[in-house]
Amino acid sequence: MAILGWLFIAAGVVFFLMGTIALLRFPDLFTRLHALTKADNLGLGMIAAGLALQAGSALLALKFLLIWVLVMLASASVSHLIARTARHSQNLREHKS
């Protein structure tokens, strides 16, 4: 279980790294936001799963998974608000021209 946990953690770190690269490489806010939310949620999920496998107690494993679920909910809400605000600002700029 320890080896499987470390594999999950390593895979999660790779997904975080890919999200960071996407943040730097993608051309606009919407594609960056999409890549970040997908890669970071999956990366955190894999890290939480790896830590849950190594936790040693069911309560601690449940806490790791609960943290992942709460971060996913917050991430979805915040990314929606950022995208909506960006779209609204874009519409205002187009309307003024």
C-alpha atoms as a PDB file:
ATOM      1  CA  MET A   1       0.000   0.000   0.000  1.00  0.00           C
ATOM      2  CA  ALA A   2       2.887   2.365   0.704  1.00  0.00           C
ATOM      3  CA  ILE A   3       4.266   1.991  -2.821  1.00  0.00           C
ATOM      4  CA  LEU A   4       0.825   2.504  -4.351  1.00  0.00           C
ATOM      5  CA  GLY A   5       0.367   5.587  -2.170  1.00  0.00           C
ATOM      6  CA  TRP A   6       3.668   7.037  -3.370  1.00  0.00           C
ATOM      7  CA  LEU A   7       2.704   6.326  -6.986  1.00  0.00           C
ATOM      8  CA  PHE A   8      -0.543   8.247  -6.511  1.00  0.00           C
ATOM      9  CA  ILE A   9       1.337  11.137  -4.903  1.00  0.00           C
ATOM     10  CA  ALA A  10       3.898  11.221  -7.722  1.00  0.00           C
ATOM     11  CA  ALA A  11       1.126  11.188 -10.338  1.00  0.00           C
ATOM     12  CA  GLY A  12      -0.607  14.045  -8.490  1.00  0.00           C
ATOM     13  CA  VAL A  13       2.581  16.101  -8.553  1.00  0.00           C
ATOM     14  CA  VAL A  14       2.849  15.497 -12.309  1.00  0.00           C
ATOM     15  CA  PHE A  15      -0.704  16.794 -12.793  1.00  0.00           C
ATOM     16  CA  PHE A  16       0.089  19.901 -10.722  1.00  0.00           C
ATOM     17  CA  LEU A  17       3.172  20.451 -12.875  1.00  0.00           C
ATOM     18  CA  MET A  18       1.138  20.097 -16.084  1.00  0.00           C
ATOM     19  CA  GLY A  19      -1.395  22.617 -14.765  1.00  0.00           C
ATOM     20  CA  THR A  20       1.399  25.068 -14.033  1.00  0.00           C
ATOM     21  CA  ILE A  21       2.859  24.641 -17.503  1.00  0.00           C
ATOM     22  CA  ALA A  22      -0.605  25.157 -19.006  1.00  0.00           C
ATOM     23  CA  LEU A  23      -0.967  28.365 -17.001  1.00  0.00           C
ATOM     24  CA  LEU A  24       2.209  29.677 -18.558  1.00  0.00           C
ATOM     25  CA  ARG A  25       1.652  28.392 -22.106  1.00  0.00           C
ATOM     26  CA  PHE A  26      -2.036  28.778 -22.946  1.00  0.00           C
ATOM     27  CA  PRO A  27      -3.074  31.973 -24.752  1.00  0.00           C
ATOM     28  CA  ASP A  28      -6.118  33.293 -22.899  1.00  0.00           C
ATOM     29  CA  LEU A  29      -7.827  33.305 -19.540  1.00  0.00           C
ATOM     30  CA  PHE A  30     -10.501  30.755 -20.378  1.00  0.00           C
ATOM     31  CA  THR A  31      -8.151  28.028 -21.614  1.00  0.00           C
ATOM     32  CA  ARG A  32      -5.792  28.669 -18.698  1.00  0.00           C
ATOM     33  CA  LEU A  33      -8.647  28.473 -16.240  1.00  0.00           C
ATOM     34  CA  HIS A  34      -9.935  25.247 -17.756  1.00  0.00           C
ATOM     35  CA  ALA A  35      -6.523  23.591 -17.691  1.00  0.00           C
ATOM     36  CA  LEU A  36      -5.770  24.721 -14.153  1.00  0.00           C
ATOM     37  CA  THR A  37      -9.024  23.542 -12.651  1.00  0.00           C
ATOM     38  CA  LYS A  38      -8.877  20.156 -14.348  1.00  0.00           C
ATOM     39  CA  ALA A  39      -5.215  19.441 -13.672  1.00  0.00           C
ATOM     40  CA  ASP A  40      -5.215  20.772 -10.117  1.00  0.00           C
ATOM     41  CA  ASN A  41      -8.384  18.940  -9.091  1.00  0.00           C
ATOM     42  CA  LEU A  42      -7.093  15.670 -10.475  1.00  0.00           C
ATOM     43  CA  GLY A  43      -3.643  16.271  -8.995  1.00  0.00           C
ATOM     44  CA  LEU A  44      -5.059  17.019  -5.559  1.00  0.00           C
ATOM     45  CA  GLY A  45      -7.349  14.000  -5.812  1.00  0.00           C
ATOM     46  CA  MET A  46      -4.418  11.733  -6.550  1.00  0.00           C
ATOM     47  CA  ILE A  47      -2.351  13.210  -3.735  1.00  0.00           C
ATOM     48  CA  ALA A  48      -5.285  12.856  -1.328  1.00  0.00           C
ATOM     49  CA  ALA A  49      -5.777   9.246  -2.434  1.00  0.00           C
ATOM     50  CA  GLY A  50      -2.084   8.524  -1.968  1.00  0.00           C
ATOM     51  CA  LEU A  51      -2.091  10.072   1.487  1.00  0.00           C
ATOM     52  CA  ALA A  52      -5.297   8.228   2.365  1.00  0.00           C
ATOM     53  CA  LEU A  53      -3.637   4.930   1.431  1.00  0.00           C
ATOM     54  CA  GLN A  54      -0.746   5.757   3.736  1.00  0.00           C
ATOM     55  CA  ALA A  55      -2.841   7.273   6.538  1.00  0.00           C
ATOM     56  CA  GLY A  56      -3.153   4.203   8.703  1.00  0.00           C
ATOM     57  CA  SER A  57      -6.596   5.153  10.006  1.00  0.00           C
ATOM     58  CA  ALA A  58      -9.930   5.341   8.275  1.00  0.00           C
ATOM     59  CA  LEU A  59     -10.765   8.670   9.935  1.00  0.00           C
ATOM     60  CA  LEU A  60      -7.618  10.346   8.638  1.00  0.00           C
ATOM     61  CA  ALA A  61      -8.197   8.885   5.156  1.00  0.00           C
ATOM     62  CA  LEU A  62     -11.742  10.234   5.214  1.00  0.00           C
ATOM     63  CA  LYS A  63     -10.431  13.679   6.165  1.00  0.00           C
ATOM     64  CA  PHE A  64      -8.081  13.683   3.165  1.00  0.00           C
ATOM     65  CA  LEU A  65     -10.917  12.759   0.822  1.00  0.00           C
ATOM     66  CA  LEU A  66     -13.205  15.359   2.411  1.00  0.00           C
ATOM     67  CA  ILE A  67     -10.551  18.038   1.837  1.00  0.00           C
ATOM     68  CA  TRP A  68     -10.405  17.013  -1.831  1.00  0.00           C
ATOM     69  CA  VAL A  69     -14.186  17.236  -2.235  1.00  0.00           C
ATOM     70  CA  LEU A  70     -14.336  20.658  -0.562  1.00  0.00           C
ATOM     71  CA  VAL A  71     -11.507  21.990  -2.725  1.00  0.00           C
ATOM     72  CA  MET A  72     -13.277  20.692  -5.845  1.00  0.00           C
ATOM     73  CA  LEU A  73     -16.463  22.520  -4.873  1.00  0.00           C
ATOM     74  CA  ALA A  74     -14.586  25.724  -4.113  1.00  0.00           C
ATOM     75  CA  SER A  75     -12.543  25.455  -7.306  1.00  0.00           C
ATOM     76  CA  ALA A  76     -15.638  25.024  -9.453  1.00  0.00           C
ATOM     77  CA  SER A  77     -17.336  28.010  -7.848  1.00  0.00           C
ATOM     78  CA  VAL A  78     -14.314  30.291  -8.038  1.00  0.00           C
ATOM     79  CA  SER A  79     -13.455  29.374 -11.623  1.00  0.00           C
ATOM     80  CA  HIS A  80     -17.059  30.031 -12.656  1.00  0.00           C
ATOM     81  CA  LEU A  81     -16.965  33.447 -10.987  1.00  0.00           C
ATOM     82  CA  ILE A  82     -13.636  34.329 -12.619  1.00  0.00           C
ATOM     83  CA  ALA A  83     -14.880  33.280 -16.063  1.00  0.00           C
ATOM     84  CA  ARG A  84     -18.167  35.128 -15.643  1.00  0.00           C
ATOM     85  CA  THR A  85     -16.399  38.291 -14.503  1.00  0.00           C
ATOM     86  CA  ALA A  86     -13.943  38.100 -17.401  1.00  0.00           C
ATOM     87  CA  ARG A  87     -16.775  37.604 -19.880  1.00  0.00           C
ATOM     88  CA  HIS A  88     -18.689  40.513 -18.379  1.00  0.00           C
ATOM     89  CA  SER A  89     -15.607  42.768 -18.574  1.00  0.00           C
ATOM     90  CA  GLN A  90     -15.042  41.679 -22.167  1.00  0.00           C
ATOM     91  CA  ASN A  91     -18.643  42.550 -23.067  1.00  0.00           C
ATOM     92  CA  LEU A  92     -18.305  45.968 -21.412  1.00  0.00           C
ATOM     93  CA  ARG A  93     -15.150  46.744 -23.382  1.00  0.00           C
ATOM     94  CA  GLU A  94     -16.796  45.713 -26.651  1.00  0.00           C
ATOM     95  CA  HIS A  95     -19.870  47.800 -25.867  1.00  0.00           C
ATOM     96  CA  LYS A  96     -17.790  50.937 -25.187  1.00  0.00           C
ATOM     97  CA  SER A  97     -15.941  50.734 -28.520  1.00  0.00           C
END
